[in-house]
């Protein structure tokens, strides 16, 4: 199973919660350091897209 979280703090909390469980070996956690619900997300793979988002 893959868990996608937005922000470093929630990602760290989830990793900490899983650290001494069997989930630590079977679950994948993807941390996106930005909240994608705010601002444009068009062309985030380009420099112009990132600048537009900022």
Protein backbone atom coordinates (compact mmCIF):
# COMPACT_ATOMS: atom_id res chain seq x y z
CA UNK A 1 0.00 0.00 0.00
CA UNK A 2 1.16 3.53 -0.73
CA UNK A 3 0.42 6.47 1.55
CA UNK A 4 0.66 9.97 0.08
CA UNK A 5 0.92 12.81 2.58
CA UNK A 6 1.27 16.53 2.09
CA UNK A 7 3.93 18.20 4.22
CA UNK A 8 7.07 17.10 5.99
CA UNK A 9 5.48 17.06 9.43
CA UNK A 10 2.66 14.63 8.58
CA UNK A 11 5.14 12.49 6.65
CA UNK A 12 7.49 12.31 9.60
CA UNK A 13 4.63 11.48 11.96
CA UNK A 14 3.45 8.63 9.75
CA UNK A 15 6.97 7.24 9.41
CA UNK A 16 7.39 7.47 13.18
CA UNK A 17 4.09 5.68 13.77
CA UNK A 18 5.11 2.85 11.42
CA UNK A 19 8.71 2.50 12.64
CA UNK A 20 8.25 -0.41 15.07
CA UNK A 21 5.46 -2.20 13.23
CA UNK A 22 5.32 -4.62 10.36
CA UNK A 23 4.01 -1.73 8.27
CA UNK A 24 7.50 -0.23 8.14
CA UNK A 25 8.54 -3.01 5.75
CA UNK A 26 5.35 -3.31 3.71
CA UNK A 27 4.04 0.24 3.34
CA UNK A 28 5.44 3.01 1.18
CA UNK A 29 5.14 6.65 2.21
CA UNK A 30 5.38 9.40 -0.37
CA UNK A 31 5.82 12.88 1.10
CA UNK A 32 4.94 15.88 -1.03
CA UNK A 33 6.37 18.98 0.64
CA UNK A 34 3.64 21.23 -0.73
CA UNK A 35 -0.14 21.38 -0.45
CA UNK A 36 -1.38 21.01 -4.01
CA UNK A 37 -4.87 22.31 -3.21
CA UNK A 38 -3.56 25.89 -3.17
CA UNK A 39 -2.18 27.54 -6.29
CA UNK A 40 -1.75 26.42 -9.89
CA UNK A 41 -0.28 22.97 -10.53
CA UNK A 42 0.09 23.28 -14.28
CA UNK A 43 3.57 22.37 -15.60
CA UNK A 44 5.16 21.72 -12.19
CA UNK A 45 7.90 19.75 -13.94
CA UNK A 46 9.20 23.01 -15.51
CA UNK A 47 10.93 26.02 -14.01
CA UNK A 48 8.14 28.28 -15.27
CA UNK A 49 5.50 26.13 -13.60
CA UNK A 50 7.31 26.23 -10.27
CA UNK A 51 7.76 30.01 -10.50
CA UNK A 52 4.08 30.41 -11.37
CA UNK A 53 3.13 28.40 -8.30
CA UNK A 54 5.28 30.54 -6.01
